[in-house]
Amino acid sequence: MSGNRNGSMFDSGQGGIPASPGRSSSHPSQGPSPASPGRSSVALVTGATAGIGAAFAAQLAREGSDLVLVARTEARLTQQAAEMQQRYGIAVETIPADLSTDSGLRRVEQRVTDRSAPVDLLINNAGFGLQADFLDSDISEEEGMLAVNVRAVMRLTHAALPGMIERGSGGILNVSSVAGSVPTATGATYAASKAWVTSFTESLSMLLADKGVQLTVLCPGFTRTDFHDRVGVSRGGVPERLWLDAADVAATGLRDHRRGAVISIPGIQYKVSVIGSRLVPRSLLRWVSTRVTAAT
């Protein structure tokens, strides 16, 4: 079976009373991130209604940041926005959009480039993997995954940067995965897409070193969300010590971003594994990856 869209084997997940086409809003509140005097901080989160994306949104809401939530399912966005507005007294906009499509991307790009309501923090969290391996999946599904995991990250980052550079402040947090650091037979395109996100973010951080804009890439490992079920990963096949909590992953990503880290890897077990993947021969890495995949 193929075509299951989700936040990936290892990471993220993917809500509204329209004030203008594709947008909704509520009343403002003070946010914790840098913003112009007298203006609330605004964070835009893609894939915001589930998994790590929902955890990002929840933490930012608790801190008082106004939010722009992006996901495919409007009903879930509407419910999430209403709950956060009521509970935290923040302003919440929603943008229902499929980021695998040009129209969906343009809708979010228009919000990101709105100079009258600047986005201070962009979190490119949306992403998904496929249950079938490369040989059994439809090529259109593989291309759709690349559209969300790679093209959307590139285009939204490109849209956000000019305004942030002009203001001399702002941040972009891209969600990758430890899967991007190792070869994996059952998720070849997925792993490659996450390797791209990591390299892209790290490279841009060098380009923007003196621009006042912070870039961070978050690389979680196995995280307790519903995404693993969608790609056929058995939780029983993964040792308990390897599982991370979505709220902890989001908190680590935000903490590392705020302290200026370029690469954030939650969990000591994954820090060790990523360092190890850089030191051992690639042939050994492929052997280990094959056996870990077989166990899950």
Protein backbone atom coordinates (compact mmCIF):
# COMPACT_ATOMS: atom_id res chain seq x y z
CA MET A 1 0.00 0.00 0.00
CA SER A 2 1.30 3.44 -0.87
CA GLY A 3 0.32 7.08 -0.94
CA ASN A 4 0.01 7.64 2.78
CA ARG A 5 0.98 11.22 3.50
CA ASN A 6 2.33 11.98 6.93
CA GLY A 7 5.06 13.67 8.86
CA SER A 8 7.65 10.97 8.12
CA MET A 9 9.09 7.87 9.65
CA PHE A 10 11.07 10.00 12.06
CA ASP A 11 9.53 13.42 12.45
CA SER A 12 6.86 16.01 11.86
CA GLY A 13 3.12 16.26 11.43
CA GLN A 14 0.91 18.49 9.30
CA GLY A 15 -7.13 24.91 10.82
CA GLY A 16 -10.51 29.56 10.88
CA ILE A 17 -12.83 32.34 10.23
CA PRO A 18 -11.56 34.00 7.06
CA ALA A 19 -10.72 37.67 7.30
CA SER A 20 -9.48 37.54 3.72
CA PRO A 21 -9.22 34.66 1.22
CA GLY A 22 -7.26 31.85 2.83
CA ARG A 23 -6.73 33.73 6.10
CA SER A 24 -8.44 34.21 9.45
CA SER A 25 -7.55 36.28 12.46
CA SER A 26 -8.38 37.16 16.05
CA HIS A 27 -7.19 39.71 18.59
CA PRO A 28 -3.49 40.39 19.17
CA SER A 29 -1.27 39.62 22.16
CA GLN A 30 2.31 40.15 23.20
CA GLY A 31 4.74 37.49 21.94
CA PRO A 32 8.12 36.37 23.23
CA SER A 33 10.16 36.64 20.03
CA PRO A 34 11.77 39.81 18.61
CA ALA A 35 9.26 42.11 16.95
CA SER A 36 8.88 45.79 16.27
CA PRO A 37 7.97 47.97 19.28
CA GLY A 38 4.24 47.82 19.93
CA ARG A 39 3.76 44.76 17.72
CA SER A 40 3.16 41.17 18.77
CA SER A 41 5.59 38.49 17.69
CA VAL A 42 4.20 36.29 14.89
CA ALA A 43 5.18 32.69 14.14
CA LEU A 44 4.04 30.78 11.06
CA VAL A 45 3.99 26.99 11.40
CA THR A 46 3.36 24.61 8.51
CA GLY A 47 1.94 21.18 9.21
CA ALA A 48 0.54 22.72 12.38
CA THR A 49 -2.35 20.44 13.29
CA ALA A 50 -0.53 17.24 14.24
CA GLY A 51 2.69 15.82 15.59
CA ILE A 52 5.69 18.08 16.07
CA GLY A 53 3.92 20.93 14.26
CA ALA A 54 1.10 20.93 16.78
CA ALA A 55 3.67 20.81 19.59
CA PHE A 56 5.42 23.87 18.16
CA ALA A 57 2.11 25.72 17.93
CA ALA A 58 1.15 24.80 21.49
CA GLN A 59 4.44 25.97 23.01
CA LEU A 60 4.46 29.21 21.07
CA ALA A 61 0.85 29.87 22.06
CA ARG A 62 1.67 29.29 25.74
CA GLU A 63 4.48 31.82 25.41
CA GLY A 64 2.07 34.39 23.98
CA SER A 65 3.19 34.43 20.36
CA ASP A 66 0.55 35.14 17.74
CA LEU A 67 0.28 32.35 15.19
CA VAL A 68 -0.30 31.66 11.53
CA LEU A 69 -1.21 27.99 11.21
CA VAL A 70 -0.91 26.15 7.91
CA ALA A 71 -2.23 22.67 7.12
CA ARG A 72 -4.30 20.88 4.50
CA THR A 73 -7.44 20.21 6.54
CA GLU A 74 -9.48 23.36 7.16
CA ALA A 75 -11.77 21.81 9.78
CA ARG A 76 -8.85 20.80 11.98
CA LEU A 77 -7.27 24.23 11.57
CA THR A 78 -10.51 25.92 12.56
CA GLN A 79 -10.84 23.83 15.72
CA GLN A 80 -7.19 24.31 16.69
CA ALA A 81 -7.36 28.07 16.18
CA ALA A 82 -10.52 28.42 18.24
CA GLU A 83 -9.05 26.42 21.11
CA MET A 84 -5.84 28.44 21.17
CA GLN A 85 -7.61 31.78 20.93
CA GLN A 86 -9.84 30.86 23.85
CA ARG A 87 -7.16 29.30 26.02
CA TYR A 88 -4.24 31.66 25.45
CA GLY A 89 -5.83 34.90 24.26
CA ILE A 90 -3.60 35.15 21.20
CA ALA A 91 -4.30 36.06 17.60
CA VAL A 92 -4.48 33.07 15.29
CA GLU A 93 -4.67 33.10 11.51
CA THR A 94 -5.28 29.95 9.51
CA ILE A 95 -4.27 29.11 5.96
CA PRO A 96 -5.66 25.85 4.59
CA ALA A 97 -3.18 24.91 1.89
CA ASP A 98 -1.75 21.86 0.19
CA LEU A 99 1.95 22.68 -0.06
CA SER A 100 2.46 20.14 -2.82
CA THR A 101 0.53 22.47 -5.16
CA ASP A 102 1.52 25.81 -6.67
CA SER A 103 -1.74 27.42 -5.54
CA GLY A 104 -1.23 26.27 -1.96
CA LEU A 105 2.35 27.49 -1.89
CA ARG A 106 1.41 30.87 -3.36
CA ARG A 107 -1.22 31.33 -0.66
CA VAL A 108 1.34 30.86 2.10
CA GLU A 109 4.01 32.88 0.27
CA GLN A 110 1.62 35.83 0.11
CA ARG A 111 1.26 35.74 3.89
CA VAL A 112 4.98 35.33 4.48
CA THR A 113 5.78 38.35 2.30
CA ASP A 114 3.11 40.62 3.83
CA ARG A 115 5.21 43.53 5.09
CA SER A 116 2.23 45.00 6.97
CA ALA A 117 2.10 41.96 9.28
CA PRO A 118 5.63 40.51 9.35
CA VAL A 119 6.35 36.92 10.25
CA ASP A 120 9.12 36.84 12.87
CA LEU A 121 9.58 33.07 12.97
CA LEU A 122 8.93 30.65 10.10
CA ILE A 123 8.78 26.97 11.03
CA ASN A 124 8.89 24.74 7.96
CA ASN A 125 7.56 21.61 9.61
CA ALA A 126 5.20 20.10 7.01
CA GLY A 127 6.45 16.90 5.45
CA PHE A 128 5.49 13.31 4.78
CA GLY A 129 6.79 9.88 3.87
CA LEU A 130 5.38 6.93 1.93
CA GLN A 131 4.58 3.45 3.18
CA ALA A 132 5.77 1.77 -0.01
CA ASP A 133 9.43 1.68 -0.97
CA PHE A 134 10.70 3.37 -4.12
CA LEU A 135 10.17 0.36 -6.40
CA ASP A 136 6.54 -0.08 -5.35
CA SER A 137 5.38 3.53 -5.12
CA ASP A 138 3.89 5.61 -7.89
CA ILE A 139 6.35 8.19 -9.20
CA SER A 140 3.74 10.93 -8.79
CA GLU A 141 3.69 10.16 -5.05
CA GLU A 142 7.47 10.41 -4.86
CA GLU A 143 7.31 13.76 -6.68
CA GLY A 144 4.58 14.96 -4.34
CA MET A 145 6.76 14.11 -1.35
CA LEU A 146 9.65 16.10 -2.82
CA ALA A 147 7.28 19.00 -3.48
CA VAL A 148 6.39 19.26 0.22
CA ASN A 149 9.65 18.14 1.82
CA VAL A 150 11.96 20.13 -0.45
CA ARG A 151 10.28 22.63 -2.77
CA ALA A 152 7.96 24.09 -0.12
CA VAL A 153 10.85 24.56 2.32
CA MET A 154 12.91 26.28 -0.37
CA ARG A 155 10.14 28.56 -1.61
CA LEU A 156 8.85 29.65 1.79
CA THR A 157 12.39 30.29 3.02
CA HIS A 158 13.08 32.31 -0.12
CA ALA A 159 9.88 34.29 0.43
CA ALA A 160 10.59 35.00 4.10
CA LEU A 161 14.23 36.05 3.94
CA PRO A 162 14.05 39.45 2.17
CA GLY A 163 11.75 40.94 4.80
CA MET A 164 13.74 39.47 7.67
CA ILE A 165 17.01 40.75 6.24
CA GLU A 166 15.48 44.18 5.72
CA ARG A 167 14.34 44.25 9.36
CA GLY A 168 17.63 42.80 10.57
CA SER A 169 15.80 40.20 12.66
CA GLY A 170 13.81 37.01 12.37
CA GLY A 171 14.32 33.30 12.28
CA ILE A 172 13.64 30.18 10.24
CA LEU A 173 13.46 26.72 11.78
CA ASN A 174 13.37 23.86 9.27
CA VAL A 175 12.38 20.39 10.43
CA SER A 176 14.59 17.67 9.01
CA SER A 177 15.31 14.23 10.49
CA VAL A 178 18.16 11.99 11.55
CA ALA A 179 17.00 9.90 8.58
CA GLY A 180 18.80 12.47 6.45
CA SER A 181 22.15 11.38 7.88
CA VAL A 182 21.87 7.67 7.06
CA PRO A 183 20.95 5.62 3.99
CA THR A 184 17.65 3.76 4.24
CA ALA A 185 16.38 1.28 1.67
CA THR A 186 12.68 1.66 2.50
CA GLY A 187 12.62 5.47 2.35
CA ALA A 188 15.19 6.43 -0.24
CA THR A 189 13.49 9.61 -1.44
CA TYR A 190 12.40 10.60 2.04
CA ALA A 191 15.90 10.28 3.49
CA ALA A 192 17.34 12.21 0.55
CA SER A 193 14.78 14.98 1.02
CA LYS A 194 15.73 15.37 4.67
CA ALA A 195 19.44 15.35 3.83
CA TRP A 196 18.66 18.26 1.49
CA VAL A 197 16.83 20.19 4.24
CA THR A 198 19.78 19.81 6.59
CA SER A 199 22.38 20.85 4.01
CA PHE A 200 20.22 23.71 2.72
CA THR A 201 19.72 25.18 6.18
CA GLU A 202 23.33 24.80 7.24
CA SER A 203 24.56 26.41 4.02
CA LEU A 204 22.13 29.33 4.27
CA SER A 205 23.21 29.95 7.85
CA MET A 206 26.67 30.73 6.51
CA LEU A 207 25.32 33.10 3.88
CA LEU A 208 23.22 34.94 6.46
CA ALA A 209 25.75 35.00 9.28
CA ASP A 210 25.86 38.82 9.46
CA LYS A 211 22.25 39.57 8.47
CA GLY A 212 20.56 39.26 11.87
CA VAL A 213 18.52 36.22 10.78
CA GLN A 214 18.89 32.90 12.62
CA LEU A 215 18.52 29.61 10.74
CA THR A 216 18.22 26.28 12.54
CA VAL A 217 17.57 22.77 11.30
CA LEU A 218 15.87 20.37 13.71
CA CYS A 219 16.79 16.69 13.25
CA PRO A 220 14.63 14.45 15.45
CA GLY A 221 14.64 10.66 15.54
CA PHE A 222 11.67 8.38 16.19
CA THR A 223 8.96 10.57 17.71
CA ARG A 224 5.66 9.48 19.25
CA THR A 225 3.09 10.62 16.69
CA ASP A 226 0.64 8.84 14.41
CA PHE A 227 2.97 9.18 11.43
CA HIS A 228 4.82 5.94 12.04
CA ASP A 229 1.59 3.99 11.83
CA ARG A 230 0.92 5.54 8.44
CA VAL A 231 4.23 4.42 6.98
CA GLY A 232 4.00 0.97 8.52
CA VAL A 233 6.64 1.35 11.23
CA SER A 234 5.94 -0.98 14.16
CA ARG A 235 6.46 0.82 17.46
CA GLY A 236 7.09 -2.52 19.08
CA GLY A 237 10.02 -3.03 16.73
CA VAL A 238 11.80 0.10 17.97
CA PRO A 239 13.41 0.05 21.44
CA GLU A 240 11.63 2.30 23.92
CA ARG A 241 14.79 4.29 24.60
CA LEU A 242 14.78 5.55 21.01
CA TRP A 243 11.35 7.16 21.19
CA LEU A 244 11.05 10.93 21.69
CA ASP A 245 8.08 13.00 22.82
CA ALA A 246 6.80 15.54 20.29
CA ALA A 247 6.57 18.31 22.91
CA ASP A 248 10.16 17.68 23.98
CA VAL A 249 11.33 17.73 20.36
CA ALA A 250 9.62 21.08 19.72
CA ALA A 251 10.95 22.55 22.97
CA THR A 252 14.48 21.46 22.11
CA GLY A 253 14.22 22.94 18.63
CA LEU A 254 13.00 26.31 19.91
CA ARG A 255 15.57 26.41 22.70
CA ASP A 256 18.44 25.63 20.34
CA HIS A 257 17.15 28.12 17.78
CA ARG A 258 17.01 30.88 20.38
CA ARG A 259 20.54 30.21 21.57
CA GLY A 260 21.85 30.45 18.02
CA ALA A 261 22.41 26.78 17.18
CA VAL A 262 22.39 25.89 13.49
CA ILE A 263 21.78 22.16 14.00
CA SER A 264 19.47 20.84 16.74
CA ILE A 265 19.37 17.10 17.49
CA PRO A 266 17.00 16.15 20.34
CA GLY A 267 18.07 13.27 22.56
CA ILE A 268 21.54 12.14 23.50
CA GLN A 269 20.93 8.81 21.73
CA TYR A 270 20.49 10.60 18.41
CA LYS A 271 23.37 13.00 18.96
CA VAL A 272 25.59 9.97 19.37
CA SER A 273 24.11 8.21 16.33
CA VAL A 274 24.58 11.22 14.06
CA ILE A 275 28.18 11.67 15.18
CA GLY A 276 28.75 7.96 14.68
CA SER A 277 27.28 8.05 11.18
CA ARG A 278 29.96 10.55 10.21
CA LEU A 279 32.79 8.41 11.54
CA VAL A 280 32.02 4.84 10.46
CA PRO A 281 32.50 3.51 6.90
CA ARG A 282 29.44 3.95 4.71
CA SER A 283 29.36 0.21 4.02
CA LEU A 284 28.95 -0.45 7.75
CA LEU A 285 26.31 2.26 7.97
CA ARG A 286 24.29 0.59 5.21
CA TRP A 287 24.59 -2.78 6.99
CA VAL A 288 23.30 -1.33 10.28
CA SER A 289 20.51 0.60 8.56
CA THR A 290 19.32 -2.54 6.76
CA ARG A 291 18.99 -4.43 10.03
CA VAL A 292 17.29 -1.59 11.87
CA THR A 293 14.79 -1.27 9.03
CA ALA A 294 14.08 -5.01 9.09
CA ALA A 295 13.34 -4.82 12.82
CA THR A 296 10.75 -2.06 12.36
